Protein backbone atom coordinates (compact mmCIF):
# COMPACT_ATOMS: atom_id res chain seq x y z
CA MET A 1 -33.56 -93.51 90.40
CA LYS A 2 -33.08 -90.68 92.85
CA PHE A 3 -36.02 -88.31 93.09
CA ILE A 4 -34.65 -85.03 91.72
CA ASP A 5 -36.55 -82.15 93.22
CA THR A 6 -34.12 -79.21 93.07
CA ALA A 7 -32.01 -77.67 90.31
CA LYS A 8 -29.99 -74.49 89.85
CA PHE A 9 -28.85 -72.90 86.59
CA LYS A 10 -28.59 -69.67 84.63
CA LEU A 11 -31.02 -68.34 82.04
CA ILE A 12 -29.71 -66.08 79.27
CA ALA A 13 -32.40 -64.67 77.01
CA GLY A 14 -31.48 -63.77 73.43
CA ASN A 15 -30.15 -60.35 72.49
CA GLY A 16 -32.08 -58.17 70.09
CA GLY A 17 -30.66 -57.78 66.58
CA ASN A 18 -29.10 -54.50 65.48
CA GLY A 19 -31.03 -52.07 63.32
CA ALA A 20 -29.70 -51.57 59.78
CA ILE A 21 -28.33 -48.48 58.06
CA ALA A 22 -29.38 -48.54 54.41
CA PHE A 23 -30.71 -46.21 51.69
CA ARG A 24 -32.97 -46.64 48.72
CA ARG A 25 -31.09 -47.13 45.48
CA GLU A 26 -33.90 -47.62 42.98
CA LYS A 27 -33.48 -46.45 39.39
CA PHE A 28 -35.02 -43.05 38.69
CA VAL A 29 -34.99 -42.21 42.43
CA PRO A 30 -31.93 -39.94 42.66
CA HIS A 31 -32.33 -39.00 46.31
CA GLY A 32 -33.56 -42.20 47.91
CA GLY A 33 -34.30 -42.02 51.61
CA PRO A 34 -33.26 -44.35 54.45
CA ASN A 35 -34.75 -47.84 54.46
CA GLY A 36 -32.75 -49.75 57.07
CA GLY A 37 -35.03 -52.20 58.92
CA ASN A 38 -35.29 -53.06 62.59
CA GLY A 39 -33.46 -55.91 64.24
CA GLY A 40 -35.45 -58.90 65.44
CA ASN A 41 -36.30 -59.43 69.11
CA GLY A 42 -34.20 -61.90 71.05
CA ALA A 43 -35.73 -65.16 72.27
CA SER A 44 -37.48 -65.05 75.64
CA ILE A 45 -37.37 -68.03 78.01
CA TYR A 46 -40.63 -69.41 79.39
CA PHE A 47 -41.47 -72.23 81.78
CA VAL A 48 -44.69 -74.18 81.29
CA GLY A 49 -46.48 -76.64 83.56
CA ASP A 50 -46.57 -80.19 82.21
CA LYS A 51 -48.63 -82.79 84.10
CA SER A 52 -46.79 -85.64 82.35
CA ARG A 53 -43.49 -84.76 84.03
CA HIS A 54 -42.64 -85.83 87.56
CA THR A 55 -39.01 -84.86 88.31
CA LEU A 56 -36.51 -82.09 87.61
CA LEU A 57 -33.95 -84.60 86.33
CA ASP A 58 -33.73 -82.91 82.91
CA PHE A 59 -32.41 -79.73 84.54
CA ARG A 60 -30.03 -81.29 87.03
CA TYR A 61 -26.86 -81.43 84.95
CA LYS A 62 -27.13 -78.36 82.72
CA ARG A 63 -25.57 -75.11 83.90
CA GLU A 64 -27.34 -72.68 81.60
CA TYR A 65 -30.09 -72.28 79.04
CA LYS A 66 -29.56 -69.66 76.36
CA GLY A 67 -32.11 -68.17 73.97
CA LYS A 68 -31.22 -67.33 70.36
CA ASN A 69 -30.38 -63.79 69.37
CA GLY A 70 -32.55 -61.80 67.00
CA ALA A 71 -31.19 -61.23 63.49
CA GLY A 72 -30.05 -57.81 62.34
CA GLY A 73 -32.28 -55.66 60.14
CA GLY A 74 -31.68 -55.31 56.41
CA GLY A 75 -32.15 -52.86 53.58
CA THR A 76 -35.45 -52.19 51.80
CA ASP A 77 -37.24 -52.02 55.13
CA LYS A 78 -36.46 -55.65 56.01
CA TYR A 79 -36.89 -56.58 59.65
CA GLY A 80 -34.56 -59.12 61.20
CA ALA A 81 -36.01 -62.46 62.25
CA ALA A 82 -36.85 -62.82 65.92
CA GLY A 83 -35.16 -65.54 67.95
CA GLU A 84 -37.53 -68.44 68.62
CA ASP A 85 -38.67 -68.42 72.24
CA LEU A 86 -37.31 -71.18 74.46
CA ILE A 87 -40.06 -73.02 76.34
CA LEU A 88 -39.04 -75.33 79.18
CA PRO A 89 -41.65 -77.80 80.53
CA VAL A 90 -41.59 -78.58 84.25
CA PRO A 91 -43.72 -80.76 86.56
CA LEU A 92 -46.74 -79.25 88.26
CA GLY A 93 -45.71 -78.09 91.71
CA THR A 94 -42.46 -76.49 90.52
CA VAL A 95 -41.52 -73.26 92.28
CA ILE A 96 -38.99 -70.89 90.71
CA PHE A 97 -36.80 -68.58 92.81
CA ASN A 98 -34.19 -65.96 92.02
CA THR A 99 -31.06 -67.67 93.33
CA ASP A 100 -29.33 -64.42 94.28
CA THR A 101 -32.21 -62.71 96.10
CA GLY A 102 -34.40 -65.64 97.13
CA GLU A 103 -37.39 -63.89 95.54
CA LEU A 104 -40.27 -66.10 94.43
CA ILE A 105 -40.68 -65.70 90.66
CA ALA A 106 -43.31 -68.30 89.77
CA ASP A 107 -45.38 -71.07 91.35
CA ILE A 108 -46.43 -73.49 88.61
CA THR A 109 -49.54 -75.48 89.46
CA GLU A 110 -51.58 -75.48 86.21
CA ASP A 111 -51.01 -77.71 83.19
CA GLN A 112 -49.85 -75.82 80.06
CA LYS A 113 -49.78 -72.43 81.80
CA LYS A 114 -46.74 -70.42 80.66
CA PHE A 115 -44.56 -68.11 82.76
CA LEU A 116 -42.13 -65.61 81.29
CA ILE A 117 -38.93 -65.85 83.34
CA ALA A 118 -36.26 -64.17 81.18
CA LYS A 119 -37.33 -61.61 78.54
CA GLY A 120 -35.45 -61.39 75.26
CA GLY A 121 -33.93 -58.07 74.23
CA ASP A 122 -35.81 -55.79 71.84
CA GLY A 123 -34.41 -55.35 68.37
CA GLY A 124 -32.75 -52.03 67.56
CA ARG A 125 -34.47 -49.59 65.19
CA GLY A 126 -33.12 -49.16 61.68
CA ASN A 127 -32.22 -45.75 60.26
CA MET A 128 -35.58 -45.45 58.48
CA HIS A 129 -37.01 -44.45 61.87
CA PHE A 130 -34.67 -41.51 62.33
CA ALA A 131 -35.49 -39.48 59.21
CA THR A 132 -36.77 -35.95 59.91
CA PRO A 133 -37.49 -32.96 57.70
CA THR A 134 -34.07 -31.61 58.57
CA GLN A 135 -32.23 -34.96 58.70
CA ARG A 136 -33.31 -36.84 55.59
CA ALA A 137 -30.35 -39.19 55.39
CA PRO A 138 -29.64 -40.40 58.95
CA ARG A 139 -26.56 -42.56 59.15
CA HIS A 140 -27.20 -44.13 62.49
CA ALA A 141 -29.32 -46.98 63.84
CA GLU A 142 -29.86 -48.58 67.22
CA ASP A 143 -28.06 -51.63 68.51
CA GLY A 144 -30.25 -54.43 69.82
CA TRP A 145 -30.94 -54.58 73.53
CA PRO A 146 -29.42 -57.38 75.61
CA GLY A 147 -31.64 -60.18 76.87
CA GLU A 148 -32.21 -60.69 80.56
CA GLU A 149 -29.85 -62.93 82.51
CA ILE A 150 -30.87 -64.54 85.78
CA ASP A 151 -29.71 -67.35 88.04
CA ILE A 152 -32.68 -69.41 89.17
CA THR A 153 -33.42 -72.26 91.55
CA LEU A 154 -36.20 -74.75 90.87
CA GLU A 155 -37.90 -76.66 93.68
CA LEU A 156 -40.51 -79.32 93.09
CA LYS A 157 -43.19 -79.69 95.73
CA LEU A 158 -45.48 -82.64 95.27
CA ILE A 159 -49.13 -81.76 94.87
CA ALA A 160 -51.09 -84.22 96.96
CA ASP A 161 -54.16 -84.02 99.17
CA ILE A 162 -52.70 -86.04 102.03
CA ALA A 163 -49.14 -86.53 103.27
CA ILE A 164 -48.36 -89.70 105.21
CA VAL A 165 -45.72 -88.96 107.86
CA GLY A 166 -44.09 -91.10 110.50
CA LEU A 167 -40.85 -92.75 111.52
CA PRO A 168 -39.13 -95.21 109.17
CA ASN A 169 -40.86 -98.61 109.09
CA ALA A 170 -44.16 -97.24 110.42
CA GLY A 171 -46.01 -99.02 107.61
CA LYS A 172 -46.52 -96.13 105.18
CA SER A 173 -45.41 -97.98 102.04
CA THR A 174 -47.45 -101.08 102.86
CA PHE A 175 -50.54 -98.94 103.35
CA ILE A 176 -50.21 -96.98 100.12
CA ALA A 177 -49.57 -100.20 98.19
CA ARG A 178 -52.81 -101.66 99.58
CA VAL A 179 -55.09 -98.68 98.97
CA SER A 180 -53.81 -97.53 95.57
CA ALA A 181 -52.12 -98.77 92.42
CA ALA A 182 -48.74 -97.47 93.62
CA LYS A 183 -46.02 -100.09 94.04
CA PRO A 184 -43.49 -98.68 96.50
CA LYS A 185 -40.45 -100.62 97.62
CA ILE A 186 -41.15 -102.37 100.93
CA ALA A 187 -38.58 -103.90 103.30
CA ASP A 188 -37.77 -104.19 107.01
CA TYR A 189 -35.00 -101.63 107.21
CA PRO A 190 -34.92 -97.85 107.64
CA PHE A 191 -35.28 -95.55 104.66
CA THR A 192 -36.81 -98.14 102.36
CA THR A 193 -38.66 -95.21 100.80
CA LEU A 194 -36.05 -92.97 99.18
CA THR A 195 -38.48 -91.04 97.01
CA PRO A 196 -42.04 -89.84 97.66
CA ASN A 197 -44.64 -92.24 96.29
CA LEU A 198 -47.93 -90.88 95.00
CA GLY A 199 -51.01 -93.07 95.26
CA VAL A 200 -54.44 -92.27 93.88
CA VAL A 201 -57.24 -93.57 96.08
CA LYS A 202 -60.51 -94.10 94.20
CA THR A 203 -63.72 -93.73 96.19
CA PRO A 204 -67.04 -95.59 95.76
CA TYR A 205 -68.51 -92.26 94.63
CA GLY A 206 -66.41 -92.04 91.47
CA ASP A 207 -64.13 -89.40 92.97
CA SER A 208 -60.50 -89.73 94.04
CA TYR A 209 -57.80 -88.15 96.15
CA VAL A 210 -54.01 -88.32 96.15
CA ILE A 211 -51.86 -89.61 99.01
CA ALA A 212 -48.11 -88.94 99.19
CA ASP A 213 -46.01 -91.51 101.03
CA MET A 214 -43.16 -89.46 102.49
CA PRO A 215 -39.73 -90.90 103.34
CA GLY A 216 -39.41 -91.64 107.04
CA LEU A 217 -38.42 -88.71 109.19
CA ILE A 218 -35.97 -88.89 112.06
CA GLU A 219 -34.90 -86.54 114.82
CA ASN A 220 -33.39 -83.28 113.50
CA ALA A 221 -34.84 -83.87 110.03
CA HIS A 222 -35.53 -80.12 109.86
CA LYS A 223 -31.75 -79.58 110.11
CA GLY A 224 -30.96 -82.05 107.35
CA ALA A 225 -30.66 -85.31 109.27
CA GLY A 226 -31.62 -88.44 107.35
CA LEU A 227 -33.83 -87.85 104.34
CA GLY A 228 -36.28 -85.51 106.04
CA LEU A 229 -35.17 -82.02 105.03
CA GLU A 230 -35.29 -82.83 101.33
CA PHE A 231 -38.92 -83.90 101.56
CA LEU A 232 -40.47 -81.78 104.30
CA ARG A 233 -41.14 -79.14 101.64
CA HIS A 234 -43.44 -81.57 99.83
CA ILE A 235 -45.79 -81.64 102.82
CA GLU A 236 -46.47 -77.90 102.52
CA ARG A 237 -49.09 -78.23 99.78
CA THR A 238 -51.09 -81.05 101.30
CA VAL A 239 -54.49 -80.51 102.87
CA LEU A 240 -53.97 -82.80 105.85
CA LEU A 241 -51.50 -85.13 107.53
CA LEU A 242 -51.98 -88.85 108.03
CA HIS A 243 -49.63 -89.62 110.91
CA PHE A 244 -48.56 -93.27 111.17
CA VAL A 245 -47.45 -94.64 114.54
CA ASP A 246 -46.24 -98.24 114.77
CA ALA A 247 -48.41 -100.12 117.30
CA SER A 248 -46.15 -103.20 117.29
CA THR A 249 -43.03 -101.46 118.54
CA GLU A 250 -41.51 -102.01 121.98
CA GLU A 251 -40.44 -98.39 122.09
CA SER A 252 -42.65 -95.59 123.39
CA MET A 253 -45.33 -94.70 120.83
CA VAL A 254 -45.82 -91.39 122.61
CA ASP A 255 -42.15 -90.49 122.14
CA SER A 256 -42.27 -91.53 118.50
CA TYR A 257 -45.32 -89.37 117.91
CA LYS A 258 -43.81 -86.37 119.70
CA LEU A 259 -40.59 -86.65 117.71
CA ILE A 260 -42.38 -86.31 114.38
CA ARG A 261 -44.60 -83.49 115.63
CA ASN A 262 -41.51 -81.66 116.82
CA GLU A 263 -39.86 -81.91 113.39
CA LEU A 264 -43.02 -80.61 111.69
CA THR A 265 -43.13 -77.66 114.09
CA LYS A 266 -39.48 -76.74 113.59
CA HIS A 267 -39.65 -76.80 109.80
CA LYS A 268 -39.29 -73.23 108.48
CA ASN A 269 -42.96 -73.08 107.48
CA ASN A 270 -44.29 -74.83 110.64
CA LEU A 271 -46.26 -77.73 109.24
CA SER A 272 -47.77 -78.75 112.57
CA GLY A 273 -50.88 -76.61 112.12
CA LYS A 274 -52.32 -78.85 109.42
CA LYS A 275 -55.32 -81.06 110.15
CA GLU A 276 -54.09 -84.44 111.37
CA VAL A 277 -55.50 -87.95 111.41
CA ILE A 278 -53.55 -90.54 113.42
CA ALA A 279 -53.25 -94.15 112.30
CA LEU A 280 -52.00 -96.84 114.67
CA THR A 281 -50.45 -99.28 112.21
CA LYS A 282 -49.62 -102.99 112.40
CA ILE A 283 -52.46 -103.41 114.88
CA GLU A 284 -52.49 -107.17 114.14
CA ALA A 285 -49.24 -107.35 116.14
CA ALA A 286 -50.01 -104.61 118.65
CA ASN A 287 -48.19 -104.10 121.91
CA GLU A 288 -51.34 -103.67 124.01
CA ASP A 289 -49.77 -101.81 126.92
CA ASN A 290 -48.01 -99.44 124.54
CA VAL A 291 -51.22 -98.78 122.62
CA LYS A 292 -53.19 -98.07 125.82
CA GLU A 293 -50.56 -95.57 126.97
CA PHE A 294 -50.67 -93.83 123.61
CA LEU A 295 -54.47 -93.64 123.46
CA ASP A 296 -54.54 -92.20 126.99
CA PHE A 297 -52.02 -89.57 125.90
CA ILE A 298 -54.04 -88.63 122.80
CA ALA A 299 -57.26 -88.37 124.81
CA LYS A 300 -55.64 -85.95 127.26
CA GLU A 301 -53.27 -83.94 125.06
CA LYS A 302 -54.62 -83.86 121.51
CA ASP A 303 -57.82 -83.08 119.68
CA ALA A 304 -57.08 -85.58 116.91
CA GLU A 305 -58.90 -88.48 115.28
CA CYS A 306 -57.24 -91.82 115.80
CA TYR A 307 -57.75 -95.12 113.93
CA SER A 308 -56.23 -98.55 114.55
CA ILE A 309 -55.49 -100.16 111.18
CA SER A 310 -53.81 -103.16 109.64
CA SER A 311 -52.60 -103.02 106.07
CA VAL A 312 -52.03 -106.77 106.24
CA THR A 313 -55.52 -107.89 107.36
CA GLY A 314 -57.40 -104.83 106.11
CA GLU A 315 -58.78 -103.95 109.54
CA ASN A 316 -60.30 -100.45 109.59
CA ILE A 317 -58.80 -99.57 106.19
CA ASP A 318 -62.18 -98.74 104.63
CA ASN A 319 -63.16 -96.65 107.64
CA ILE A 320 -60.07 -94.48 107.57
CA LEU A 321 -60.24 -94.06 103.78
CA THR A 322 -63.85 -92.92 104.03
CA ARG A 323 -63.01 -90.42 106.75
CA LEU A 324 -60.07 -89.05 104.77
CA TYR A 325 -62.36 -88.56 101.78
CA GLU A 326 -64.87 -86.68 103.94
CA LEU A 327 -62.16 -84.34 105.21
CA ILE A 328 -60.77 -83.76 101.71
CA THR A 329 -64.25 -83.03 100.37
CA GLU A 330 -64.85 -80.49 103.14
CA LYS A 331 -61.56 -78.76 102.34
CA ARG A 332 -62.32 -78.64 98.62
CA LYS A 333 -65.66 -76.98 99.34
CA GLU A 334 -63.93 -74.39 101.52
CA ASN A 335 -61.44 -73.60 98.77
CA LYS A 336 -64.25 -72.92 96.29
CA LYS A 337 -65.85 -70.26 98.48
């Protein structure tokens, strides 16, 4: 199944019901006054965070959502029934924009928290509200007000602590399968990962953190090449980057590393400023000369932590997981201040 993370459609909130024009007609009341009731309010449209949902697939193929109109008022002071509000559940991490203006409307990160996106129209007042000492039998009432209409765009950004980035076949899926209960598709060809995989890493301390295995990036991903543009936005929420570089490749590891860093920098929100941990993967089949060149480059050019790991043999896996947990814990403490 394709990972659906964007959707566009129109919201039409319900119109308010019209107020009624009516007069009392009780026996023995020869000059009954106005008693037309108000119209009911139109249905508003809300979005609510739902932690059990993971894609925007439900919204992909529907062009509009429409709230019910409020009912008109009636005689004997009867108010019209309000339209039942429309509540649309979305995954946590959903961002809602006004399609026409690009304005951010809501950023949904909490389970069961509701956001009013399109307000229903108010019901019109019945003629009972327009009686005055000089106008005892008003023959007019208000029409209901129209509900709001808005074209919106939904974007889903994964909420994870760590984003694993790197070129295709750098070993991201194998790693996340080893350290969590996630079961990503693994094969020896580019773009095996077509959707982000979330893995929950449990620590010996009873705590946990979430790793997102991102589809492999390629050159010009920030312009839409490959699968990168669709998923670069998911990296925005993460606390740190776990950058995988294939140590078994015959190609320049330095060039591979620079390519990914360049794409992160050129993304519209410049993701390169995030804390980074580098993992040299497939170290059991390492190209020693290539690895030495890369480590020399990192020592001279970057202030970054670097670990040599093997998801096959388990070499250094515990060490890097422990360090990632330490960094996540530090960040969580900072966020609480």
